[in-house]
Protein backbone atom coordinates (compact mmCIF):
# COMPACT_ATOMS: atom_id res chain seq x y z
CA MET A 1 121.04 117.22 78.26
CA SER A 2 120.36 119.23 81.43
CA GLN A 3 122.41 118.69 84.53
CA THR A 4 120.72 116.09 86.73
CA LEU A 5 119.56 116.87 90.24
CA SER A 6 121.92 114.17 91.54
CA GLN A 7 124.87 115.87 89.85
CA LEU A 8 123.85 119.27 91.17
CA LEU A 9 123.41 118.16 94.78
CA ASN A 10 126.02 115.46 95.16
CA LYS A 11 128.80 116.32 92.70
CA SER A 12 128.69 120.11 92.24
CA PRO A 13 130.15 122.04 95.19
CA SER A 14 128.32 125.25 96.05
CA ALA A 15 130.04 128.51 96.92
CA HIS A 16 127.20 129.34 99.31
CA PRO A 17 124.85 127.39 101.60
CA ARG A 18 122.04 125.67 99.71
CA ALA A 19 118.37 125.30 100.56
CA LEU A 20 115.74 123.01 99.08
CA VAL A 21 112.36 124.54 98.22
CA VAL A 22 109.84 121.70 98.17
CA GLY A 23 106.32 121.80 96.72
CA ASN A 24 103.35 119.45 96.64
CA GLY A 25 104.91 117.28 93.94
CA ILE A 26 106.58 115.26 96.69
CA ASN A 27 103.14 114.33 98.08
CA ARG A 28 101.79 113.37 94.67
CA TYR A 29 104.75 111.23 93.63
CA ARG A 30 104.42 107.45 93.70
CA PRO A 31 107.15 104.94 92.71
CA LYS A 32 106.40 103.07 89.49
CA ASP A 33 105.35 99.90 91.29
CA GLN A 34 102.86 101.83 93.48
CA ARG A 35 101.16 104.00 90.86
CA PRO A 36 97.38 103.53 90.52
CA LYS A 37 96.32 101.69 87.38
CA ASN A 38 93.19 103.78 86.77
CA LEU A 39 91.32 106.89 87.92
CA HIS A 40 89.18 104.94 90.41
CA ALA A 41 92.28 103.54 92.11
CA GLU A 42 93.84 107.00 92.20
CA GLN A 43 90.75 108.50 93.85
CA ALA A 44 90.76 105.70 96.42
CA ASN A 45 94.16 106.96 97.60
CA GLY A 46 92.54 110.24 98.68
CA ILE A 47 92.82 113.84 97.50
CA ASN A 48 96.35 115.25 97.47
CA ALA A 49 96.13 118.19 95.04
CA TRP A 50 95.25 121.72 96.15
CA ASP A 51 92.79 122.33 93.29
CA GLU A 52 90.94 119.05 93.99
CA MET A 53 90.72 119.94 97.68
CA LEU A 54 89.22 123.36 96.91
CA VAL A 55 86.71 121.79 94.52
CA HIS A 56 85.78 119.34 97.31
CA LEU A 57 85.10 122.28 99.65
CA TRP A 58 83.08 124.07 96.96
CA ARG A 59 80.83 121.05 96.54
CA ALA A 60 80.38 120.77 100.30
CA HIS A 61 79.35 124.42 100.65
CA ARG A 62 77.52 125.05 97.37
CA GLY A 63 76.27 121.62 96.38
CA ASP A 64 77.37 122.29 92.79
CA GLU A 65 78.84 119.31 90.97
CA VAL A 66 81.85 121.16 89.57
CA ALA A 67 84.44 118.75 88.17
CA SER A 68 87.35 121.18 88.31
CA ILE A 69 88.21 124.83 88.79
CA PRO A 70 86.69 126.66 85.78
CA VAL A 71 88.76 128.41 83.14
CA GLY A 72 89.06 132.14 83.80
CA ILE A 73 89.55 132.04 87.57
CA ALA A 74 92.84 131.47 89.39
CA LEU A 75 93.20 128.94 92.18
CA THR A 76 93.56 131.70 94.77
CA GLU A 77 90.54 133.59 93.42
CA PHE A 78 88.49 130.39 93.50
CA TYR A 79 89.10 130.17 97.25
CA ASP A 80 88.09 133.82 97.71
CA ALA A 81 84.92 133.17 95.70
CA LEU A 82 84.15 130.23 97.99
CA ASP A 83 84.78 132.40 101.04
CA LEU A 84 82.38 135.06 99.73
CA ILE A 85 79.50 132.67 99.03
CA SER A 86 79.96 130.59 102.18
CA ASN A 87 78.03 131.43 105.33
CA LYS A 88 80.96 130.25 107.45
CA PRO A 89 83.82 132.50 108.64
CA ASN A 90 87.10 132.43 106.74
CA LYS A 91 88.99 130.69 109.53
CA GLN A 92 86.44 127.86 109.49
CA LEU A 93 87.11 127.28 105.79
CA GLN A 94 90.83 127.18 106.53
CA LYS A 95 90.21 124.55 109.23
CA GLU A 96 88.12 122.46 106.85
CA PHE A 97 90.89 122.61 104.26
CA CYS A 98 93.45 121.52 106.86
CA ASN A 99 91.20 118.64 107.94
CA LEU A 100 91.45 117.22 104.41
CA MET A 101 95.17 116.67 105.07
CA ALA A 102 94.74 115.04 108.49
CA SER A 103 95.42 111.51 107.24
CA TRP A 104 98.45 112.28 105.07
CA GLN A 105 101.49 110.21 106.01
CA PRO A 106 105.16 110.41 105.02
CA GLN A 107 106.33 108.19 102.18
CA CYS A 108 109.83 106.96 101.28
CA GLN A 109 110.56 110.11 99.26
CA HIS A 110 109.86 112.32 102.30
CA GLN A 111 112.13 110.24 104.53
CA ARG A 112 115.01 110.13 102.04
CA LEU A 113 114.93 113.81 101.14
CA ILE A 114 114.89 114.90 104.79
CA ALA A 115 117.66 112.42 105.69
CA TRP A 116 119.80 113.95 102.92
CA ALA A 117 119.00 117.52 104.01
CA GLU A 118 119.80 116.79 107.64
CA LEU A 119 123.07 115.03 106.77
CA ASN A 120 124.12 117.95 104.55
CA ASN A 121 122.93 120.67 106.95
CA THR A 122 120.62 122.01 104.26
CA PRO A 123 117.55 124.10 105.20
CA VAL A 124 114.24 123.08 103.64
CA LEU A 125 111.60 125.63 102.67
CA THR A 126 108.23 124.21 101.73
CA THR A 127 105.08 125.69 100.26
CA ASN A 128 103.14 122.71 101.64
CA PHE A 129 100.85 123.14 104.62
CA GLU A 130 100.83 119.63 106.10
CA GLN A 131 103.71 118.25 108.16
CA THR A 132 104.61 115.04 106.29
CA LEU A 133 108.21 116.20 105.87
CA ALA A 134 108.59 116.85 109.60
CA LYS A 135 106.74 113.67 110.55
CA SER A 136 109.06 111.57 108.40
CA HIS A 137 111.80 112.07 111.03
CA GLN A 138 109.70 112.96 114.10
CA LEU A 139 110.92 116.55 114.11
CA ARG A 140 109.64 119.00 116.71
CA LEU A 141 108.33 122.53 116.31
CA HIS A 142 110.57 125.34 117.57
CA HIS A 143 110.32 129.14 117.49
CA LEU A 144 113.38 131.27 116.78
CA GLN A 145 111.54 134.30 118.18
CA ALA A 146 109.10 132.86 120.70
CA LYS A 147 108.44 136.30 122.21
CA HIS A 148 107.04 137.65 118.94
CA PHE A 149 105.27 134.47 117.80
CA THR A 150 101.94 134.82 115.97
CA ASP A 151 99.89 131.90 114.67
CA PHE A 152 98.81 134.09 111.74
CA TYR A 153 102.35 134.51 110.41
CA PRO A 154 104.58 131.86 112.06
CA TRP A 155 107.55 132.86 109.91
CA SER A 156 110.10 132.30 112.69
CA SER A 157 108.79 128.80 113.45
CA TYR A 158 110.51 125.69 112.13
CA PHE A 159 110.73 121.92 112.56
CA ALA A 160 114.00 120.35 113.68
CA LYS A 161 115.35 117.82 116.17
CA ALA A 162 116.72 120.61 118.35
CA PRO A 163 116.75 124.43 118.36
CA ILE A 164 118.98 126.08 115.77
CA VAL A 165 120.90 129.36 115.76
CA SER A 166 121.43 130.15 112.06
CA PRO A 167 118.49 129.64 109.64
CA THR A 168 120.76 129.86 106.59
CA GLU A 169 123.39 127.36 107.72
CA GLU A 170 121.50 124.72 109.72
CA PHE A 171 118.96 122.08 108.77
CA ALA A 172 115.35 122.85 109.62
CA ILE A 173 112.00 122.78 107.82
CA TRP A 174 110.24 126.12 107.28
CA HIS A 175 106.66 126.50 105.99
CA ILE A 176 106.42 129.51 103.66
CA ASN A 177 102.64 129.53 103.14
CA GLY A 178 101.57 128.57 106.65
CA MET A 179 101.16 125.26 108.42
CA GLN A 180 98.32 122.86 109.09
CA ARG A 181 98.64 123.06 112.88
CA TYR A 182 97.90 126.81 112.75
CA ALA A 183 94.89 126.93 110.41
CA ARG A 184 94.81 130.75 110.40
CA SER A 185 98.31 130.81 108.91
CA VAL A 186 97.36 128.81 105.81
CA ARG A 187 97.51 131.03 102.70
CA LEU A 188 94.78 129.95 100.28
CA GLY A 189 93.09 132.99 98.77
CA LEU A 190 94.35 135.99 96.83
CA SER A 191 93.52 138.15 99.86
CA HIS A 192 95.71 135.91 102.03
CA TYR A 193 98.66 136.19 99.66
CA MET A 194 98.35 139.95 99.26
CA GLY A 195 98.48 140.21 103.06
CA ALA A 196 101.64 138.09 103.04
CA VAL A 197 103.14 140.34 100.36
CA ASP A 198 102.43 143.42 102.51
CA ARG A 199 104.06 141.82 105.53
CA ALA A 200 107.10 140.62 103.59
CA ARG A 201 107.54 143.98 101.84
CA ASP A 202 107.62 145.79 105.18
CA ILE A 203 110.25 143.36 106.49
CA LEU A 204 112.38 143.33 103.32
CA HIS A 205 112.45 147.10 102.93
CA GLN A 206 112.43 147.81 106.67
CA GLY A 207 109.49 150.17 106.51
CA HIS A 208 110.73 152.15 103.49
CA LEU A 209 107.53 152.74 101.50
CA GLY A 210 109.50 153.50 98.35
CA GLY A 211 111.31 150.17 98.51
CA GLY A 212 115.06 149.78 98.30
CA PHE A 213 117.33 147.50 100.31
CA LYS A 214 119.74 148.53 103.03
CA LYS A 215 123.30 147.24 102.71
CA ALA A 216 123.12 145.74 106.22
CA LEU A 217 120.14 143.57 105.25
CA LYS A 218 121.88 140.27 105.97
CA GLU A 219 123.29 141.15 109.39
CA HIS A 220 120.78 143.50 110.98
CA TRP A 221 117.25 143.28 109.70
CA ARG A 222 113.84 142.14 110.92
CA GLY A 223 113.77 139.06 108.70
CA ASN A 224 117.00 137.66 110.10
CA SER A 225 115.18 135.03 112.19
CA THR A 226 112.64 134.07 109.51
CA TRP A 227 112.66 131.90 106.39
CA LEU A 228 113.03 135.12 104.36
CA ASN A 229 116.69 135.11 105.36
CA ILE A 230 117.14 131.71 103.68
CA LEU A 231 115.28 132.74 100.54
CA LEU A 232 117.54 135.76 100.03
CA HIS A 233 120.91 134.41 101.13
CA ASN A 234 120.99 130.72 100.16
CA GLU A 235 121.36 128.99 96.83
CA LEU A 236 117.87 127.63 96.08
CA VAL A 237 116.84 124.32 94.50
CA PHE A 238 113.12 124.13 93.64
CA ILE A 239 111.63 120.62 93.66
CA GLY A 240 108.04 119.53 93.02
CA LEU A 241 106.85 123.10 92.59
CA GLY A 242 104.98 124.56 89.64
CA LEU A 243 106.10 128.17 90.18
CA GLU A 244 103.35 129.06 87.72
CA SER A 245 101.61 132.40 87.33
CA ASN A 246 99.07 131.71 90.10
CA GLU A 247 101.85 131.36 92.70
CA ILE A 248 101.75 135.09 93.34
CA PHE A 249 103.60 135.31 96.65
CA LEU A 250 106.60 133.15 95.78
CA ARG A 251 106.95 134.73 92.33
CA TRP A 252 106.88 138.19 93.91
CA LEU A 253 109.55 137.10 96.40
CA LEU A 254 111.76 135.92 93.54
CA ILE A 255 111.36 139.32 91.87
CA GLU A 256 112.41 141.04 95.12
CA ARG A 257 115.34 138.62 95.44
CA ALA A 258 116.48 139.53 91.91
CA LYS A 259 116.16 143.25 92.74
CA LEU A 260 118.39 142.77 95.78
CA TYR A 261 121.04 141.09 93.63
CA LYS A 262 120.81 143.83 91.02
CA ALA A 263 121.45 146.43 93.73
CA PHE A 264 124.19 144.35 95.40
CA PRO A 265 125.71 141.95 92.80
CA GLU A 266 128.15 140.53 95.36
CA ARG A 267 125.18 138.99 97.19
CA ARG A 268 123.94 137.03 94.21
CA ARG A 269 123.04 133.39 94.85
CA GLU A 270 122.22 130.73 92.27
CA ALA A 271 118.77 129.15 91.98
CA TYR A 272 117.58 126.07 90.09
CA TYR A 273 114.12 125.00 88.99
CA VAL A 274 114.08 121.21 88.67
CA TYR A 275 111.19 119.49 86.92
CA ALA A 276 110.20 116.47 84.81
CA GLY A 277 107.43 115.79 82.32
CA GLU A 278 106.25 118.10 79.55
CA PRO A 279 108.45 121.15 78.80
CA ILE A 280 107.36 124.31 80.58
CA SER A 281 105.86 127.16 78.56
CA GLN A 282 107.96 129.90 76.97
CA GLY A 283 106.51 132.51 79.33
CA HIS A 284 107.20 130.34 82.36
CA LYS A 285 110.82 129.90 81.31
CA LEU A 286 111.18 133.60 80.50
CA PHE A 287 110.05 134.56 84.01
CA LEU A 288 112.36 132.08 85.74
CA GLU A 289 115.40 133.17 83.74
CA ALA A 290 114.58 136.86 84.34
CA VAL A 291 114.69 136.34 88.13
CA GLY A 292 117.94 134.37 87.91
CA VAL A 293 116.63 130.81 88.10
CA THR A 294 118.31 128.12 85.97
CA VAL A 295 115.85 125.59 84.53
CA LEU A 296 116.87 121.91 84.76
CA HIS A 297 114.63 119.42 82.97
CA GLN A 298 114.95 115.83 84.25
CA SER A 299 114.38 112.63 82.30
CA ASP A 300 111.70 111.35 84.69
CA TYR A 301 110.28 111.83 88.20
CA GLU A 302 112.60 109.15 89.61
CA ALA A 303 115.47 111.55 88.84
CA ILE A 304 113.85 113.99 91.28
CA TYR A 305 112.39 111.82 94.04
CA GLU A 306 114.62 108.73 94.05
CA ALA A 307 118.17 109.01 92.66
CA PRO A 308 119.50 112.15 94.44
CA TRP A 309 118.63 110.99 97.93
CA ALA A 310 119.93 107.44 97.49
CA GLU A 311 123.50 108.71 97.06
CA HIS A 312 124.12 110.13 100.53
């Protein structure tokens, strides 16, 4: 049987600082006694899946009664297709998408996870756009580099109770794919993610078009005050995240992370992909193992969203 998340976090000491990487699974989780009994009851709780939200926008702009994103088009491409056929500017679509999350509120799993992370001084990276994690403990927005802040790429912005000094060693919440409060920052389409890749590549390789990492990357580099520093230099624990083939940006970052470790083995940090439910595909597992991520299958979703955080 795989190591449990509780064992990993609460009983297995880490040689390096850890970070949690949290996806939308935390928003979709409901304890057994709160789970809807049928589809109608589930829909009454509101939309909380990215694909359903994009389909909702498609219907609003096209009037087509599409039930789901069609086979043959990726989630990111579906957004770009919507952008192309819409007569509204891209930033307006991003605002409409963010408005669909306006009513989302923290649940017990948000509160417990953040309480654990704060107690253990563990940074939290999230691919989610909305601020339910931050709202669960009334955290405030801060900017590590206020002088160079941009609402298009707020990569030095984080949520915490007070300003921090070291992203890798102090608790804070960092939004990888943009945040709801800055609609322009929200990465939805393939074009958005390719732009993020270009920006990250320039930071990671410090302007070297041919790639390659400098040895001083950790101490003196442009990403030192961004969440990129955490992704490269902390042990990572992925929770509630598909990490499937359509997650282009994060998968590319994991490839770059693995390249860094290949060039400088002494910098290697562990990473764990924690999931429950049906086994992941062979290709999915192959990719994760190739980029140095250990796959941990859990017996149920309670082992991810309940047990680990109750032990602190």
